[in-house]
């Protein structure tokens, strides 16, 4: 059973170095127009280190480290 559909949504894609999407941060709200530019920038700051760490981890796993 699914809950009500979100009224606002913002998604951030996490890319691997070859531009392949490897993860998605999907943030939903039950209020209309919940996300603005400030929210977008703040959420990008969360995703960026995760993406960089993921790239580092994938690099090491592929190179046997």
Protein backbone atom coordinates (compact mmCIF):
# COMPACT_ATOMS: atom_id res chain seq x y z
CA UNK A 1 0.00 0.00 0.00
CA UNK A 2 1.39 3.38 -0.97
CA UNK A 3 0.88 6.66 0.81
CA UNK A 4 -0.29 9.89 -0.76
CA UNK A 5 1.73 11.27 -3.65
CA UNK A 6 4.19 14.02 -2.75
CA UNK A 7 3.20 17.58 -3.63
CA UNK A 8 6.83 18.67 -4.01
CA UNK A 9 9.88 16.66 -4.94
CA UNK A 10 13.53 17.34 -5.57
CA UNK A 11 15.97 14.71 -6.87
CA UNK A 12 19.74 14.67 -7.04
CA UNK A 13 21.58 12.20 -9.21
CA UNK A 14 24.94 10.81 -8.10
CA UNK A 15 27.18 10.12 -11.06
CA UNK A 16 30.16 7.85 -11.43
CA UNK A 17 33.20 9.32 -13.19
CA UNK A 18 31.96 7.91 -16.53
CA UNK A 19 28.67 9.83 -16.05
CA UNK A 20 26.71 6.70 -15.14
CA UNK A 21 24.04 7.33 -12.50
CA UNK A 22 24.84 5.20 -9.44
CA UNK A 23 22.46 6.68 -6.85
CA UNK A 24 19.56 9.09 -6.44
CA UNK A 25 18.72 11.27 -3.45
CA UNK A 26 14.94 11.72 -3.66
CA UNK A 27 13.43 14.22 -1.21
CA UNK A 28 9.64 14.56 -1.04
CA UNK A 29 7.26 16.91 0.75
CA UNK A 30 3.54 16.85 1.37
CA UNK A 31 3.39 20.63 0.83
CA UNK A 32 3.37 22.47 -2.50
CA UNK A 33 6.43 24.54 -3.46
CA UNK A 34 8.47 23.21 -0.53
CA UNK A 35 11.86 23.51 -2.18
CA UNK A 36 13.59 26.69 -3.26
CA UNK A 37 17.08 27.60 -4.48
CA UNK A 38 18.44 27.64 -0.93
CA UNK A 39 17.18 24.07 -0.36
CA UNK A 40 18.66 22.94 -3.67
CA UNK A 41 22.09 24.34 -2.83
CA UNK A 42 22.01 22.86 0.67
CA UNK A 43 21.07 19.42 -0.66
CA UNK A 44 23.78 19.62 -3.33
CA UNK A 45 26.29 20.16 -0.53
CA UNK A 46 25.10 16.90 1.01
CA UNK A 47 25.32 14.93 -2.23
CA UNK A 48 28.73 16.19 -3.39
CA UNK A 49 30.91 14.58 -0.67
CA UNK A 50 28.94 11.35 -0.98
CA UNK A 51 29.53 11.34 -4.72
CA UNK A 52 33.25 12.06 -4.30
CA UNK A 53 33.64 9.30 -1.69
CA UNK A 54 31.75 6.87 -3.90
CA UNK A 55 34.05 7.68 -6.85
CA UNK A 56 37.08 7.08 -4.62
CA UNK A 57 35.68 3.78 -3.37
CA UNK A 58 34.85 2.57 -6.88
CA UNK A 59 38.33 3.56 -8.10
CA UNK A 60 40.01 1.57 -5.32
CA UNK A 61 37.80 -1.49 -5.81
CA UNK A 62 38.57 -1.56 -9.53
CA UNK A 63 42.30 -1.17 -8.94
CA UNK A 64 42.55 -3.81 -6.22
CA UNK A 65 43.19 -1.43 -3.33
